[in-house]
Structure formats: structure tokens, C-alpha cells
Amino acid sequence: MTTRSEPSILHLDLDAFFAAVEQRDKPSLRGRPVIVGGLGPRGVVSTASYEARVFGVRSAMPMSEARARCRHAAFLARRFDAYRKVSTVVMDQLRALSPLVEPLSLDEAFVDLAAGEHPDLSPGGVRAVGERLRTTIHARTRITASVGAASSKTLAKIASEQAKPDGLMVIEPGTELDVLHPLGVRALPGVGPATAARVARLGVRTVGDLARIAEGELVDLLGEAHGRSLFRLAHGLDGRAVSSDRASKSISVEDTFDRDITDRALLAGLTRRLAEKVADRLVRSGHSARTITLKVRLHDFTTLSRSATLPGPTDDARSISRLAVQLLDEVDTAGGIRLLGVGVSGLSDWVQDDLFSAAEGSEQPPTDDADDADEGDEGDEGDDAGDLDAAVHSAGRWVPGMDVVHARLGPGWVWGSGLGRVTVRFETADTPPGPVRTFAADDPELSGVSHLQEAD
């Protein structure tokens, strides 16, 4: 059924990751509902703690709905610096197991144990590896992880989902279909709401139902590639390899606005700012890019993308900004823009500068690669949202959850702010729950210490 005879593909997923880091670093929030995400009127939930999930709060839910469902939760902005530090520790532990690690996000990755030095890849041996990994990660980060292992990537991910939270599941070879077929069809990769609705016309509710549909019928319904892929997955056939070069195929930054923006000059300025952030990340990562993409979500939630490809790779902020603004000129903004994003792809580790100095005065436009509408999720974003820490401070805005330090009272975090005041709870991951104090928002003894990143 699968290409392997041992459960040597491991999938790790950190439990309620952003919220778990916040509860670790803020002792007063341990055991309480915590919701992390965009705090503006159009913000969406990035992560909800398990205490908040009891009330029906889920990732990608509008923050307004999350507040209605769980009013007593702590609502916090995201701290990507803190999350990256934990992620780095975890990924280092995974790379100690095998040179083949495929990160999917800050908190999730596949590992090919067969590429590492593991003499025993029997179900028992793999289980021992998984338990040691979970123990080590918790000891070093104080964050829990769920781990699944199986003979394919699909089954390994399903195993980690079933092990949540803070568990381990190894699917033994030969039992894959016993685990797979009772599951809802959306457990398979590539099956979202639209595909699930289409196969439901054939009476398909579970993966087992899908496995009983002829391959040709699925191809007729879903198209050649998608139909054949789902047919194979429904029968436990997944030969996809763990790929260690998955990371850094693209870089993107986006912002969701509290109100629809129609002013083209303002939109152009925001586009340039996003493009500069993308260019900065390119430089810091040692990459350059050929394709620049502008993402726009209109007032009616229609999402458009416009892409163009340059004659050679660049990491120059001016080139990226200029092209991104040109792409913006192709979009009708009269009805208002609620989200704006700039991304780059086609990454290289070299820059051909002379192409761009020549292109400055060239009348030949870059090639247009895409002009498509898509159905983006409201919470869709790159691995990094835009770093708004400078904007937070320049506006005198103290965002709930952000790290601060007081000259006399030491480190803490913003509990809340408004009416020219900011309330801080003074505690850290290594202290008991601390006292709460309120200061003037412009108190010279209080300063922020983190680079807060927020897109919504």
C-alpha cells in the first residue's frame, strides 16, 4: 500500500504553539483561555489555547467572533521573535535525528528517520525515538509537542493529529487503512470545503467512501491530477519524500487594515513599505528573487493576485517596490482595499545587478505571470507578518501581550492600554504571577523590548 515497510516518517506539531509560548512566558495566564492574533476590528485568530477551544474558538476565526464566544480570554498580539526562538530549538532537535527535515511552519515539520542513524525502525524503536524527542523538547522549551509516525507523510500527519495534545501515535505498517478509512474525507491533504462538497455528490463522507469510488470517476469530477492524487491517498498510497529544501521558496508580508482604504497614494506608500520589508528579509536570508507578487483583498472579500517576473534575481528594495506599485496600478481600488500584501518567489542565492541597472531605463516591461482571483482565507499570511514594532512605538501604542521593561520594576508585558495609560503585569517565564501597575503611556521609564509582528 505504501512505499515503506517501517513507520520511519515522523511528523511533529507543537501544541497550540503561539498560545503555549504566551502561557509559558506569562505565568498569570497558565490554565486560562488565551487567544493570539490580530487585535483590530478585522483581526483573525492565529492560535487559541486549549482552554479557549472549549468555547469553540478556532484558528482563522474572526477575532470579533472569538471575543463573543470567550469574553474572559486574554487577547494578545503575536510575538514572532519569541516563537522563532522556540522553533529554532525544536528544529535543531529534529535535525539531530536526521539530515532530512522538512519544516512546514514554525511549529510543524516532517522528519525522515530512515536517513538518520537509527538501527531500530520497528514500531517499538520509532516509538522510543518519538518519546525521547518529546521529552527533550519539553525540557528545553517548556512547550509540549504531539508526534506521529507512519510509513507515509499523510499517515504520519494524521497520527500526530490523533495524538493531540501532548501525545504520540505510531501507525504500524499493515494497519494504515484501518486508521485511514474511518476518517472524514477532509483528513486527506488537498481536500478542502469545495472538494468535500463535490465528492459528497457521490455519497462520499469518509476516506473509506472515497476509496470505493473508481479512479476514472474521480478524474471526471475533480480533474486529472487532483482525481488521481486523491484516489491514491484514499488507498494509503503516498510516496512523497521528505524534502529538506522546502523552506524559503517564497517570502511574503501583508497587512489587514482596520478600515477599507481607497486613497491610492496611501496604498502606494503602504505597498512600498511592505516591499521594503520583503527586501530586508531577502538580504538577511542571503537570497534574491525574480518574481514579485502583489496580493489584494477587496472590500467584498474578493482576493486578487498580480505577479510579474524580472529578467534576473534582485534583492534591491527600490526594484521590488517599483514593480509592486506598478502591479497596484492594475487594480481597481475605488471600492476599498481591506488587505494588501507583497511577496517574492523564484529565490536564488545570487544577484545579477547589471540587469537591473540596465532595466532602470528600459522600456521593456517585466513578463506578467498571473492575473488571477483566488479564495484566500481571512487569516492567510506568510510565515511572517509585517514587523510593526516601529509603527507601534511611533504611534505611542502599547499592544496587549508585547514585552516591556520598566527602569525600576523590571520586565513585564502589556496587560492593556487606552486613554493615555498603559497597564503592565510584571512577570516572566521564570517568576510567579506578578503584580499589575498602570503608567502614563509616555512614561519615560517604560520601554518596549520586542519586535512585535502583526498583520491584522
Protein backbone atom coordinates (compact mmCIF):
# COMPACT_ATOMS: atom_id res chain seq x y z
CA MET A 1 0.00 0.00 0.00
CA THR A 2 2.85 2.39 0.78
CA THR A 3 6.46 2.64 -0.28
CA ARG A 4 7.90 1.80 3.14
CA SER A 5 7.79 -1.25 5.33
CA GLU A 6 8.54 0.64 8.54
CA PRO A 7 6.99 3.72 10.22
CA SER A 8 10.06 5.83 9.54
CA ILE A 9 8.41 9.15 8.62
CA LEU A 10 7.79 11.30 11.67
CA HIS A 11 5.57 14.36 11.93
CA LEU A 12 5.90 16.80 14.83
CA ASP A 13 3.40 19.53 15.68
CA LEU A 14 3.79 21.84 18.68
CA ASP A 15 0.54 22.07 20.64
CA ALA A 16 -1.38 25.38 20.36
CA PHE A 17 2.04 26.87 19.69
CA PHE A 18 1.64 30.66 19.88
CA ALA A 19 -0.72 30.42 22.84
CA ALA A 20 1.52 27.90 24.58
CA VAL A 21 4.51 30.25 24.34
CA GLU A 22 2.40 33.09 25.75
CA GLN A 23 1.25 30.94 28.68
CA ARG A 24 4.83 29.87 29.32
CA ASP A 25 6.11 33.45 29.36
CA LYS A 26 3.13 34.88 31.27
CA PRO A 27 2.55 32.78 34.41
CA SER A 28 -0.73 34.52 35.26
CA LEU A 29 -2.21 33.12 32.02
CA ARG A 30 -1.44 29.46 32.67
CA GLY A 31 -4.63 27.46 32.75
CA ARG A 32 -6.62 30.42 31.37
CA PRO A 33 -8.07 30.88 27.87
CA VAL A 34 -5.53 32.66 25.66
CA ILE A 35 -6.23 33.84 22.12
CA VAL A 36 -3.41 35.12 19.91
CA GLY A 37 -3.87 37.01 16.66
CA GLY A 38 -4.75 40.33 15.10
CA LEU A 39 -6.44 42.61 17.62
CA GLY A 40 -8.01 45.10 15.21
CA PRO A 41 -11.67 45.04 14.17
CA ARG A 42 -10.79 42.76 11.26
CA GLY A 43 -8.24 40.64 13.05
CA VAL A 44 -8.33 36.86 12.93
CA VAL A 45 -7.30 34.21 15.42
CA SER A 46 -3.83 32.76 14.83
CA THR A 47 -3.92 30.30 17.75
CA ALA A 48 -6.26 29.57 20.62
CA SER A 49 -5.19 27.74 23.76
CA TYR A 50 -7.00 24.52 24.60
CA GLU A 51 -8.83 26.37 27.36
CA ALA A 52 -10.25 28.73 24.70
CA ARG A 53 -11.09 25.92 22.29
CA VAL A 54 -13.60 24.60 24.81
CA PHE A 55 -15.67 27.68 23.92
CA GLY A 56 -15.48 26.98 20.18
CA VAL A 57 -12.63 29.36 19.37
CA ARG A 58 -10.55 28.15 16.41
CA SER A 59 -7.69 29.36 14.21
CA ALA A 60 -8.72 31.64 11.30
CA MET A 61 -11.90 32.66 13.13
CA PRO A 62 -12.63 36.40 13.07
CA MET A 63 -11.37 37.91 16.30
CA SER A 64 -14.75 39.56 16.84
CA GLU A 65 -16.40 36.14 16.94
CA ALA A 66 -13.71 34.81 19.29
CA ARG A 67 -14.38 37.71 21.67
CA ALA A 68 -18.10 36.95 21.61
CA ARG A 69 -17.51 33.26 22.32
CA CYS A 70 -14.90 33.69 25.05
CA ARG A 71 -15.10 37.18 26.56
CA HIS A 72 -12.97 36.31 29.57
CA ALA A 73 -9.95 35.20 27.50
CA ALA A 74 -6.65 37.05 27.30
CA PHE A 75 -6.40 38.50 23.77
CA LEU A 76 -2.78 39.01 22.76
CA ALA A 77 -0.87 40.20 19.71
CA ARG A 78 1.74 37.91 18.19
CA ARG A 79 5.41 37.93 19.21
CA PHE A 80 7.21 36.23 16.34
CA ASP A 81 10.65 36.73 17.86
CA ALA A 82 9.66 34.59 20.84
CA TYR A 83 8.09 31.95 18.62
CA ARG A 84 11.15 31.78 16.36
CA LYS A 85 13.44 31.16 19.32
CA VAL A 86 11.40 28.14 20.37
CA SER A 87 11.14 26.94 16.77
CA THR A 88 14.91 27.10 16.34
CA VAL A 89 15.45 24.86 19.36
CA VAL A 90 12.86 22.37 18.10
CA MET A 91 14.18 22.25 14.54
CA ASP A 92 17.71 21.71 15.85
CA GLN A 93 16.45 18.68 17.76
CA LEU A 94 14.81 17.32 14.63
CA ARG A 95 17.98 17.78 12.59
CA ALA A 96 19.85 15.83 15.24
CA LEU A 97 17.60 12.89 14.35
CA SER A 98 18.05 13.10 10.58
CA PRO A 99 19.52 15.32 7.85
CA LEU A 100 16.14 15.16 6.11
CA VAL A 101 13.84 17.60 7.93
CA GLU A 102 11.02 19.35 6.10
CA PRO A 103 9.71 22.35 8.05
CA LEU A 104 6.12 23.22 7.21
CA SER A 105 5.91 26.23 9.54
CA LEU A 106 7.47 27.46 12.77
CA ASP A 107 5.73 24.70 14.74
CA GLU A 108 5.44 21.77 12.36
CA ALA A 109 7.82 19.52 10.40
CA PHE A 110 8.35 16.11 8.84
CA VAL A 111 11.46 14.03 9.60
CA ASP A 112 12.76 11.06 7.62
CA LEU A 113 14.19 8.78 10.29
CA ALA A 114 15.46 6.35 7.63
CA ALA A 115 18.00 9.00 6.58
CA GLY A 116 19.41 9.19 10.13
CA GLU A 117 21.39 6.78 12.25
CA HIS A 118 18.61 4.71 13.77
CA PRO A 119 19.35 0.97 13.86
CA ASP A 120 15.84 0.08 15.02
CA LEU A 121 13.00 1.43 12.90
CA SER A 122 10.47 -1.07 14.14
CA PRO A 123 7.27 0.39 15.63
CA GLY A 124 8.79 -0.01 19.09
CA GLY A 125 12.06 1.61 18.09
CA VAL A 126 10.33 4.54 16.44
CA ARG A 127 8.08 4.96 19.46
CA ALA A 128 11.18 5.21 21.68
CA VAL A 129 12.65 7.88 19.37
CA GLY A 130 9.43 9.85 19.48
CA GLU A 131 9.15 9.72 23.26
CA ARG A 132 12.75 10.88 23.71
CA LEU A 133 12.14 13.71 21.26
CA ARG A 134 9.02 14.91 23.07
CA THR A 135 10.78 14.74 26.44
CA THR A 136 13.79 16.70 25.17
CA ILE A 137 11.67 19.40 23.54
CA HIS A 138 9.63 19.92 26.69
CA ALA A 139 12.76 20.05 28.84
CA ARG A 140 14.38 22.69 26.63
CA THR A 141 11.36 24.83 25.72
CA ARG A 142 8.65 24.01 28.30
CA ILE A 143 6.32 23.54 25.30
CA THR A 144 4.54 20.26 24.55
CA ALA A 145 4.57 18.53 21.18
CA SER A 146 2.46 15.88 19.52
CA VAL A 147 4.27 13.34 17.35
CA GLY A 148 3.01 10.90 14.76
CA ALA A 149 4.96 8.29 12.83
CA ALA A 150 3.95 6.10 9.92
CA SER A 151 5.07 4.73 6.58
CA SER A 152 3.98 7.86 4.67
CA LYS A 153 3.69 11.61 5.17
CA THR A 154 -0.11 11.56 5.03
CA LEU A 155 -0.41 8.91 7.74
CA ALA A 156 2.31 10.49 9.91
CA LYS A 157 0.44 13.81 9.95
CA ILE A 158 -2.85 12.07 10.67
CA ALA A 159 -1.15 10.23 13.53
CA SER A 160 0.10 13.45 15.13
CA GLU A 161 -3.38 14.97 14.83
CA GLN A 162 -4.88 11.99 16.61
CA ALA A 163 -2.18 12.17 19.30
CA LYS A 164 -3.04 15.78 20.22
CA PRO A 165 -2.48 17.28 22.65
CA ASP A 166 0.86 16.18 24.09
CA GLY A 167 0.81 12.64 22.72
CA LEU A 168 2.49 10.12 20.46
CA MET A 169 0.98 7.74 17.90
CA VAL A 170 2.81 5.23 15.72
CA ILE A 171 0.80 3.63 12.92
CA GLU A 172 2.18 0.15 12.34
CA PRO A 173 2.71 -0.96 8.74
CA GLY A 174 -0.23 -3.01 7.55
CA THR A 175 -2.75 -1.10 9.66
CA GLU A 176 -2.81 2.10 7.61
CA LEU A 177 -6.26 1.58 6.10
CA ASP A 178 -7.73 0.63 9.46
CA VAL A 179 -6.75 4.11 10.68
CA LEU A 180 -7.40 5.99 7.46
CA HIS A 181 -10.75 4.79 6.18
CA PRO A 182 -12.99 5.73 9.13
CA LEU A 183 -11.78 9.35 9.00
CA GLY A 184 -13.72 12.19 7.40
CA VAL A 185 -12.63 12.85 3.83
CA ARG A 186 -11.18 16.24 4.80
CA ALA A 187 -8.43 14.43 6.70
CA LEU A 188 -6.70 13.94 3.33
CA PRO A 189 -4.34 16.67 2.08
CA GLY A 190 -5.89 18.59 -0.78
CA VAL A 191 -9.48 18.15 0.40
CA GLY A 192 -10.95 21.46 1.46
CA PRO A 193 -14.58 22.55 1.73
CA ALA A 194 -15.07 22.82 -2.04
CA THR A 195 -13.64 19.38 -2.84
CA ALA A 196 -15.52 17.82 0.07
CA ALA A 197 -18.77 19.29 -1.25
CA ARG A 198 -18.10 17.93 -4.75
CA VAL A 199 -17.33 14.37 -3.66
CA ALA A 200 -20.33 14.48 -1.32
CA ARG A 201 -22.46 14.35 -4.50
CA LEU A 202 -21.13 10.81 -4.89
CA GLY A 203 -22.14 9.93 -1.35
CA VAL A 204 -18.60 10.34 -0.02
CA ARG A 205 -18.27 11.30 3.63
CA THR A 206 -15.27 9.26 4.82
CA VAL A 207 -11.96 8.29 3.30
CA GLY A 208 -13.31 4.75 3.06
CA ASP A 209 -16.22 6.04 0.99
CA LEU A 210 -13.73 7.78 -1.29
CA ALA A 211 -11.69 4.59 -1.70
CA ARG A 212 -14.77 2.85 -3.14
CA ILE A 213 -15.09 5.39 -5.98
CA ALA A 214 -13.47 4.38 -9.27
CA GLU A 215 -10.39 6.35 -10.22
CA GLY A 216 -11.92 7.40 -13.55
CA GLU A 217 -14.98 8.80 -11.80
CA LEU A 218 -12.80 10.92 -9.51
CA VAL A 219 -10.81 12.17 -12.51
CA ASP A 220 -14.03 13.16 -14.28
CA LEU A 221 -15.22 15.01 -11.18
CA LEU A 222 -12.00 16.64 -9.98
CA GLY A 223 -9.65 16.70 -12.94
CA GLU A 224 -6.69 14.53 -13.88
CA ALA A 225 -4.10 15.49 -11.27
CA HIS A 226 -6.40 16.02 -8.30
CA GLY A 227 -8.57 12.99 -9.01
CA ARG A 228 -5.66 10.58 -9.35
CA SER A 229 -3.91 12.01 -6.30
CA LEU A 230 -6.95 11.58 -4.05
CA PHE A 231 -7.57 8.07 -5.38
CA ARG A 232 -4.05 7.06 -4.35
CA LEU A 233 -4.24 8.77 -0.98
CA ALA A 234 -7.57 7.10 -0.20
CA HIS A 235 -5.86 3.74 -0.74
CA GLY A 236 -2.95 4.62 1.52
CA LEU A 237 -0.58 5.22 -1.38
CA ASP A 238 1.68 8.17 -0.66
CA GLY A 239 5.24 8.00 -1.91
CA ARG A 240 6.08 11.68 -1.31
CA ALA A 241 9.58 12.09 0.04
CA VAL A 242 10.59 14.30 2.94
CA SER A 243 12.29 17.30 1.34
CA SER A 244 14.81 19.32 3.32
CA ASP A 245 14.89 22.15 0.76
CA ARG A 246 11.21 23.05 1.10
CA ALA A 247 11.91 26.15 3.20
CA SER A 248 12.40 29.61 1.74
CA LYS A 249 10.67 29.06 -1.60
CA SER A 250 8.93 32.39 -1.11
CA ILE A 251 8.82 35.35 1.25
CA SER A 252 5.76 37.50 1.83
CA VAL A 253 4.46 40.25 4.09
CA GLU A 254 0.90 41.50 4.36
CA ASP A 255 -1.32 43.80 6.40
CA THR A 256 -5.08 43.77 7.03
CA PHE A 257 -6.50 47.24 7.65
CA ASP A 258 -9.00 48.33 10.28
CA ARG A 259 -10.96 50.16 7.57
CA ASP A 260 -11.16 49.87 3.81
CA ILE A 261 -8.62 52.14 2.12
CA THR A 262 -9.38 53.87 -1.19
CA ASP A 263 -6.65 56.54 -1.24
CA ARG A 264 -4.25 55.40 -3.98
CA ALA A 265 -1.35 57.49 -2.68
CA LEU A 266 -1.70 55.89 0.75
CA LEU A 267 -1.98 52.42 -0.79
CA ALA A 268 1.14 53.06 -2.86
CA GLY A 269 3.01 54.13 0.26
CA LEU A 270 1.88 51.03 2.14
CA THR A 271 2.93 48.87 -0.81
CA ARG A 272 6.38 50.42 -0.76
CA ARG A 273 6.68 49.79 2.98
CA LEU A 274 5.73 46.13 2.56
CA ALA A 275 8.14 45.77 -0.36
CA GLU A 276 10.96 47.22 1.73
CA LYS A 277 10.26 44.69 4.48
CA VAL A 278 10.36 41.86 1.94
CA ALA A 279 13.65 43.18 0.53
CA ASP A 280 15.11 43.40 4.02
CA ARG A 281 14.21 39.78 4.68
CA LEU A 282 15.73 38.76 1.35
CA VAL A 283 19.00 40.46 2.23
CA ARG A 284 19.07 38.95 5.73
CA SER A 285 18.42 35.47 4.35
CA GLY A 286 21.08 35.79 1.67
CA HIS A 287 18.57 35.37 -1.16
CA SER A 288 17.34 37.30 -4.16
CA ALA A 289 14.15 36.84 -6.16
CA ARG A 290 12.84 37.16 -9.71
CA THR A 291 9.06 37.11 -9.25
CA ILE A 292 7.20 39.82 -7.33
CA THR A 293 3.57 39.26 -6.37
CA LEU A 294 1.01 41.75 -5.11
CA LYS A 295 -1.93 40.36 -3.13
CA VAL A 296 -5.06 42.48 -2.69
CA ARG A 297 -8.25 41.66 -0.81
CA LEU A 298 -11.09 43.95 -1.87
CA HIS A 299 -13.92 45.33 0.24
CA ASP A 300 -16.16 42.40 -0.79
CA PHE A 301 -13.52 39.81 0.25
CA THR A 302 -12.53 39.05 -3.34
CA THR A 303 -8.80 38.27 -3.32
CA LEU A 304 -6.66 39.16 -6.33
CA SER A 305 -3.02 38.47 -7.07
CA ARG A 306 -0.84 40.18 -9.66
CA SER A 307 2.63 38.86 -10.43
CA ALA A 308 5.48 39.89 -12.67
CA THR A 309 8.89 38.38 -13.34
CA LEU A 310 12.10 40.38 -13.77
CA PRO A 311 14.88 39.34 -16.19
CA GLY A 312 17.12 38.31 -13.29
CA PRO A 313 17.08 37.98 -9.49
CA THR A 314 17.30 41.02 -7.21
CA ASP A 315 17.24 41.92 -3.54
CA ASP A 316 17.07 45.66 -4.26
CA ALA A 317 14.26 47.35 -2.33
CA ARG A 318 13.79 50.03 -5.00
CA SER A 319 13.32 47.48 -7.78
CA ILE A 320 10.86 45.42 -5.74
CA SER A 321 8.94 48.50 -4.57
CA ARG A 322 8.72 49.98 -8.06
CA LEU A 323 7.35 46.78 -9.56
CA ALA A 324 4.92 46.20 -6.67
CA VAL A 325 3.48 49.71 -7.14
CA GLN A 326 3.17 49.07 -10.89
CA LEU A 327 1.15 45.95 -10.10
CA LEU A 328 -1.04 48.00 -7.74
CA ASP A 329 -1.81 50.37 -10.63
CA GLU A 330 -3.52 47.45 -12.38
CA VAL A 331 -6.04 47.02 -9.55
CA ASP A 332 -9.29 49.00 -9.23
CA THR A 333 -9.19 50.32 -5.67
CA ALA A 334 -12.29 52.50 -5.87
CA GLY A 335 -14.36 50.19 -3.68
CA GLY A 336 -11.70 49.98 -0.99
CA ILE A 337 -8.88 47.61 -0.03
CA ARG A 338 -9.00 45.63 3.22
CA LEU A 339 -5.74 43.65 2.83
CA LEU A 340 -2.51 44.31 0.98
CA GLY A 341 0.47 42.01 0.62
CA VAL A 342 3.77 41.84 -1.24
CA GLY A 343 5.64 38.60 -1.85
CA VAL A 344 8.61 37.32 -3.80
CA SER A 345 9.40 33.90 -5.21
CA GLY A 346 11.83 32.28 -7.59
CA LEU A 347 14.51 32.63 -4.93
CA SER A 348 18.23 32.45 -5.75
CA ASP A 349 21.39 32.90 -3.74
CA TRP A 350 22.87 35.36 -6.25
CA VAL A 351 22.01 38.80 -7.65
CA GLN A 352 22.58 39.96 -11.23
CA ASP A 353 22.87 43.66 -10.55
CA ASP A 354 23.74 44.74 -14.07
CA LEU A 355 20.39 43.53 -15.35
CA PHE A 356 18.61 45.94 -13.05
CA SER A 357 20.80 48.93 -13.62
CA ALA A 358 20.10 48.39 -17.33
CA ALA A 359 16.42 47.83 -16.68
CA GLU A 360 16.08 51.17 -14.91
CA GLY A 361 15.82 52.95 -18.24
CA SER A 362 14.43 50.10 -20.28
CA GLU A 363 11.02 50.32 -21.84
CA GLN A 364 10.65 46.54 -21.88
CA PRO A 365 8.21 45.58 -19.11
CA PRO A 366 8.65 42.52 -16.94
CA THR A 367 6.65 39.48 -18.01
CA ASP A 368 3.20 39.19 -16.48
CA ASP A 369 2.87 35.75 -14.86
CA ALA A 370 -0.54 35.88 -13.21
CA ASP A 371 -3.74 37.83 -13.13
CA ASP A 372 -5.95 35.57 -11.11
CA ALA A 373 -8.58 35.73 -8.41
CA ASP A 374 -8.41 33.22 -5.59
CA GLU A 375 -10.33 32.34 -2.48
CA GLY A 376 -7.85 33.31 0.21
CA ASP A 377 -8.72 32.70 3.85
CA GLU A 378 -9.13 35.75 6.01
CA GLY A 379 -6.25 34.54 8.17
CA ASP A 380 -3.93 33.81 5.29
CA GLU A 381 -0.44 35.17 5.73
CA GLY A 382 3.18 34.34 5.19
CA ASP A 383 5.29 32.79 7.91
CA ASP A 384 5.99 36.35 8.96
CA ALA A 385 3.53 39.16 9.08
CA GLY A 386 4.92 42.68 8.75
CA ASP A 387 7.04 43.89 11.66
CA LEU A 388 5.05 46.82 13.06
CA ASP A 389 7.09 47.39 16.18
CA ALA A 390 8.40 50.74 14.91
CA ALA A 391 4.89 51.81 14.00
CA VAL A 392 3.62 50.77 17.44
CA HIS A 393 6.17 52.96 19.21
CA SER A 394 5.90 55.91 16.85
CA ALA A 395 2.14 55.95 17.46
CA GLY A 396 2.61 55.66 21.20
CA ARG A 397 0.58 52.47 21.06
CA TRP A 398 1.04 49.71 23.60
CA VAL A 399 -0.30 46.41 22.29
CA PRO A 400 -1.59 43.70 24.69
CA GLY A 401 0.96 40.94 25.06
CA MET A 402 4.04 42.87 24.00
CA ASP A 403 7.16 42.69 26.15
CA VAL A 404 8.21 45.79 28.06
CA VAL A 405 10.75 46.74 30.68
CA HIS A 406 10.47 49.38 33.39
CA ALA A 407 13.62 51.11 34.59
CA ARG A 408 12.82 50.35 38.25
CA LEU A 409 10.35 47.45 38.19
CA GLY A 410 12.00 45.34 35.52
CA PRO A 411 10.49 43.18 32.75
CA GLY A 412 6.80 42.60 32.16
CA TRP A 413 4.17 42.65 29.45
CA VAL A 414 1.33 44.92 28.39
CA TRP A 415 -1.93 43.94 30.05
CA GLY A 416 -3.94 46.71 28.35
CA SER A 417 -3.85 50.34 27.28
CA GLY A 418 -6.05 53.31 26.46
CA LEU A 419 -6.93 56.87 27.47
CA GLY A 420 -3.26 57.77 27.65
CA ARG A 421 -2.38 54.96 30.06
CA VAL A 422 -0.79 51.54 29.84
CA THR A 423 -1.20 48.70 32.32
CA VAL A 424 1.66 46.26 32.78
CA ARG A 425 1.90 42.94 34.58
CA PHE A 426 5.42 42.41 35.89
CA GLU A 427 6.26 38.73 35.46
CA THR A 428 8.35 36.46 33.26
CA ALA A 429 8.51 32.78 32.44
CA ASP A 430 10.74 32.24 35.47
CA THR A 431 8.71 34.13 38.07
CA PRO A 432 5.39 33.56 39.83
CA PRO A 433 2.38 35.57 38.63
CA GLY A 434 3.35 39.20 39.15
CA PRO A 435 1.79 42.49 40.18
CA VAL A 436 -0.10 44.83 37.88
CA ARG A 437 0.78 48.52 37.62
CA THR A 438 -0.60 51.35 35.47
CA PHE A 439 1.52 54.16 33.99
CA ALA A 440 1.15 57.12 31.69
CA ALA A 441 1.54 55.94 28.10
CA ASP A 442 4.53 58.27 27.66
CA ASP A 443 6.26 57.27 30.91
CA PRO A 444 9.98 57.63 30.10
CA GLU A 445 10.87 54.72 32.40
CA LEU A 446 8.81 52.26 30.33
CA SER A 447 10.00 50.89 27.01
CA GLY A 448 9.23 48.02 24.65
CA VAL A 449 11.80 45.26 24.27
CA SER A 450 10.41 43.06 21.49
CA HIS A 451 9.79 43.35 17.79
CA LEU A 452 6.09 42.79 17.67
CA GLN A 453 4.78 41.41 14.41
CA GLU A 454 1.16 41.74 13.48
CA ALA A 455 -0.70 41.62 10.19
CA ASP A 456 -4.31 42.20 11.14
